[in-house]
N, C-alpha and C. Protein backbone atom coordinates (compact mmCIF):
# COMPACT_ATOMS: atom_id res chain seq x y z
N MET A 1 119.63 147.69 179.70
CA MET A 1 120.64 148.57 179.15
C MET A 1 120.06 149.96 178.88
N ASN A 2 118.82 149.99 178.40
CA ASN A 2 118.19 151.29 178.15
C ASN A 2 118.00 152.08 179.43
N VAL A 3 117.75 151.39 180.54
CA VAL A 3 117.60 152.07 181.82
C VAL A 3 118.91 152.73 182.21
N LEU A 4 120.03 152.05 181.99
CA LEU A 4 121.34 152.63 182.29
C LEU A 4 121.61 153.87 181.45
N MET A 5 121.33 153.79 180.15
CA MET A 5 121.56 154.94 179.28
C MET A 5 120.67 156.11 179.67
N ASP A 6 119.42 155.83 180.00
CA ASP A 6 118.50 156.88 180.41
C ASP A 6 118.94 157.54 181.71
N ARG A 7 119.34 156.73 182.68
CA ARG A 7 119.80 157.25 183.97
C ARG A 7 121.03 158.13 183.78
N ASN A 8 121.97 157.69 182.98
CA ASN A 8 123.21 158.44 182.79
C ASN A 8 123.00 159.73 182.02
N SER A 9 122.01 159.75 181.14
CA SER A 9 121.76 160.98 180.39
C SER A 9 121.09 162.05 181.25
N LYS A 10 120.42 161.64 182.33
CA LYS A 10 119.72 162.59 183.19
C LYS A 10 120.56 163.11 184.35
N ASN A 11 121.67 162.44 184.64
CA ASN A 11 122.47 162.81 185.79
C ASN A 11 123.94 162.92 185.37
N ALA A 12 124.49 164.11 185.42
CA ALA A 12 125.86 164.36 184.96
C ALA A 12 126.92 163.75 185.87
N SER A 13 126.55 163.29 187.07
CA SER A 13 127.55 162.72 187.97
C SER A 13 127.95 161.30 187.55
N TYR A 14 127.13 160.66 186.73
CA TYR A 14 127.46 159.33 186.22
C TYR A 14 128.36 159.44 185.00
N PRO A 15 129.13 158.40 184.72
CA PRO A 15 129.95 158.44 183.50
C PRO A 15 129.05 158.50 182.26
N LYS A 16 129.59 159.09 181.20
CA LYS A 16 128.85 159.15 179.94
C LYS A 16 129.03 157.82 179.22
N ILE A 17 127.92 157.17 178.88
CA ILE A 17 127.99 155.86 178.24
C ILE A 17 127.14 155.82 176.98
N PHE A 18 127.49 154.90 176.12
CA PHE A 18 126.65 154.54 174.97
C PHE A 18 126.60 153.04 174.93
N ILE A 19 125.40 152.50 174.77
CA ILE A 19 125.23 151.04 174.75
C ILE A 19 124.61 150.64 173.43
N PHE A 20 125.31 149.79 172.71
CA PHE A 20 124.75 149.24 171.47
C PHE A 20 123.71 148.20 171.83
N ASN A 21 122.76 147.96 170.91
CA ASN A 21 121.78 146.93 171.20
C ASN A 21 122.37 145.54 170.92
N THR A 22 121.61 144.52 171.21
CA THR A 22 122.12 143.14 171.15
C THR A 22 122.39 142.66 169.73
N PHE A 23 121.90 143.37 168.72
CA PHE A 23 122.11 142.95 167.33
C PHE A 23 123.37 143.56 166.71
N PHE A 24 124.02 144.46 167.42
CA PHE A 24 125.15 145.20 166.85
C PHE A 24 126.26 144.28 166.36
N LEU A 25 126.73 143.39 167.18
CA LEU A 25 127.88 142.56 166.81
C LEU A 25 127.55 141.62 165.66
N SER A 26 126.37 141.01 165.68
CA SER A 26 126.01 140.10 164.58
C SER A 26 125.88 140.87 163.26
N MET A 27 125.38 142.09 163.31
CA MET A 27 125.29 142.90 162.09
C MET A 27 126.67 143.38 161.64
N LEU A 28 127.54 143.71 162.58
CA LEU A 28 128.89 144.14 162.25
C LEU A 28 129.67 143.01 161.56
N GLU A 29 129.45 141.78 162.00
CA GLU A 29 130.11 140.63 161.38
C GLU A 29 129.71 140.45 159.92
N LYS A 30 128.54 140.95 159.53
CA LYS A 30 128.07 140.86 158.15
C LYS A 30 128.57 142.01 157.30
N GLY A 31 129.24 142.98 157.92
CA GLY A 31 129.81 144.09 157.17
C GLY A 31 129.56 145.42 157.86
N PHE A 32 130.54 146.30 157.77
CA PHE A 32 130.46 147.60 158.42
C PHE A 32 129.32 148.46 157.87
N ASP A 33 129.00 148.28 156.58
CA ASP A 33 127.93 149.07 155.97
C ASP A 33 126.59 148.89 156.68
N ARG A 34 126.39 147.76 157.32
CA ARG A 34 125.13 147.49 158.02
C ARG A 34 124.99 148.27 159.33
N VAL A 35 126.10 148.72 159.89
CA VAL A 35 126.03 149.41 161.19
C VAL A 35 126.59 150.83 161.17
N LYS A 36 127.07 151.30 160.06
CA LYS A 36 127.73 152.61 160.04
C LYS A 36 126.79 153.77 160.38
N LYS A 37 125.50 153.59 160.20
CA LYS A 37 124.55 154.66 160.51
C LYS A 37 124.03 154.59 161.95
N TRP A 38 124.41 153.58 162.69
CA TRP A 38 123.87 153.39 164.03
C TRP A 38 124.29 154.48 165.00
N THR A 39 125.39 155.15 164.74
CA THR A 39 125.88 156.19 165.66
C THR A 39 125.93 157.56 164.99
N ARG A 40 125.17 157.77 163.92
CA ARG A 40 125.25 159.05 163.21
C ARG A 40 124.76 160.23 164.04
N LYS A 41 123.92 159.98 165.04
CA LYS A 41 123.38 161.07 165.86
C LYS A 41 124.14 161.25 167.17
N VAL A 42 125.15 160.41 167.41
CA VAL A 42 125.89 160.50 168.67
C VAL A 42 127.38 160.32 168.38
N ASP A 43 128.19 161.10 169.08
CA ASP A 43 129.64 160.98 168.95
C ASP A 43 130.12 160.04 170.06
N ILE A 44 130.42 158.80 169.70
CA ILE A 44 130.80 157.82 170.73
C ILE A 44 132.16 158.14 171.34
N PHE A 45 132.95 158.96 170.66
CA PHE A 45 134.27 159.29 171.19
C PHE A 45 134.22 160.32 172.32
N GLU A 46 133.09 160.94 172.54
CA GLU A 46 132.95 161.85 173.68
C GLU A 46 132.44 161.11 174.92
N LYS A 47 132.10 159.86 174.77
CA LYS A 47 131.61 159.04 175.88
C LYS A 47 132.78 158.50 176.69
N ASP A 48 132.50 158.13 177.93
CA ASP A 48 133.51 157.49 178.77
C ASP A 48 133.59 155.99 178.49
N TYR A 49 132.42 155.40 178.21
CA TYR A 49 132.35 153.96 177.96
C TYR A 49 131.41 153.68 176.80
N VAL A 50 131.78 152.72 175.98
CA VAL A 50 130.88 152.18 174.96
C VAL A 50 130.72 150.70 175.28
N ILE A 51 129.47 150.27 175.44
CA ILE A 51 129.18 148.91 175.89
C ILE A 51 128.55 148.13 174.74
N VAL A 52 129.07 146.92 174.51
CA VAL A 52 128.57 146.05 173.44
C VAL A 52 128.20 144.69 174.04
N PRO A 53 126.91 144.35 174.08
CA PRO A 53 126.52 143.01 174.52
C PRO A 53 126.94 141.99 173.46
N VAL A 54 127.47 140.85 173.91
CA VAL A 54 127.96 139.81 173.00
C VAL A 54 127.27 138.51 173.33
N HIS A 55 126.64 137.89 172.32
CA HIS A 55 125.99 136.60 172.52
C HIS A 55 126.88 135.52 171.92
N LEU A 56 127.27 134.55 172.74
CA LEU A 56 128.16 133.48 172.31
C LEU A 56 127.42 132.19 172.03
N GLY A 57 126.15 132.28 171.73
CA GLY A 57 125.37 131.09 171.41
C GLY A 57 124.67 130.51 172.61
N VAL A 58 125.38 130.34 173.71
CA VAL A 58 124.81 129.74 174.91
C VAL A 58 124.60 130.78 176.01
N HIS A 59 125.50 131.71 176.11
CA HIS A 59 125.37 132.73 177.16
C HIS A 59 125.83 134.09 176.63
N TRP A 60 125.60 135.10 177.46
CA TRP A 60 125.95 136.47 177.10
C TRP A 60 127.19 136.91 177.86
N CYS A 61 127.95 137.78 177.25
CA CYS A 61 129.05 138.45 177.92
C CYS A 61 129.02 139.91 177.47
N LEU A 62 129.99 140.67 177.89
CA LEU A 62 129.96 142.10 177.65
C LEU A 62 131.33 142.59 177.23
N ALA A 63 131.36 143.37 176.16
CA ALA A 63 132.59 144.03 175.73
C ALA A 63 132.43 145.53 176.01
N VAL A 64 133.47 146.13 176.56
CA VAL A 64 133.42 147.54 176.93
C VAL A 64 134.64 148.25 176.34
N ILE A 65 134.38 149.35 175.67
CA ILE A 65 135.47 150.23 175.24
C ILE A 65 135.56 151.32 176.29
N ASN A 66 136.64 151.33 177.02
CA ASN A 66 136.85 152.26 178.12
C ASN A 66 137.74 153.40 177.60
N PHE A 67 137.09 154.50 177.23
CA PHE A 67 137.84 155.64 176.70
C PHE A 67 138.57 156.40 177.80
N LYS A 68 138.10 156.30 179.04
CA LYS A 68 138.77 157.01 180.13
C LYS A 68 140.17 156.46 180.36
N GLU A 69 140.30 155.14 180.32
CA GLU A 69 141.60 154.51 180.57
C GLU A 69 142.24 153.97 179.30
N LYS A 70 141.60 154.24 178.15
CA LYS A 70 142.12 153.83 176.84
C LYS A 70 142.41 152.33 176.77
N ARG A 71 141.35 151.55 176.99
CA ARG A 71 141.52 150.10 176.91
C ARG A 71 140.19 149.42 176.56
N PHE A 72 140.32 148.18 176.09
CA PHE A 72 139.17 147.33 175.83
C PHE A 72 139.02 146.38 177.01
N GLU A 73 137.77 146.16 177.43
CA GLU A 73 137.50 145.26 178.55
C GLU A 73 136.48 144.23 178.12
N TYR A 74 136.62 143.01 178.63
CA TYR A 74 135.73 141.92 178.27
C TYR A 74 135.29 141.24 179.55
N TYR A 75 133.99 141.18 179.76
CA TYR A 75 133.45 140.59 180.98
C TYR A 75 132.66 139.34 180.64
N ASP A 76 133.03 138.23 181.25
CA ASP A 76 132.38 136.96 181.00
C ASP A 76 132.32 136.18 182.30
N SER A 77 131.15 135.70 182.64
CA SER A 77 130.99 134.97 183.90
C SER A 77 131.59 133.56 183.83
N MET A 78 131.88 133.09 182.65
CA MET A 78 132.45 131.75 182.51
C MET A 78 133.95 131.87 182.60
């Protein structure tokens, strides 16, 4: 995920993205106060996509906030 963010920050032809780390959702479930400072240095609303990795205990899936098309997307191989 860090490779994607690094690549997109260096090349303006790619969509602007922000990717939360794998602990974001579990910390958010414990309360907003635990994650409210995670984006203080970046305005996520200026991004095209915000990506949230989701661990469901057995496998991983991906939640995406698509600001370009104003929708939430959920990707799961199962």
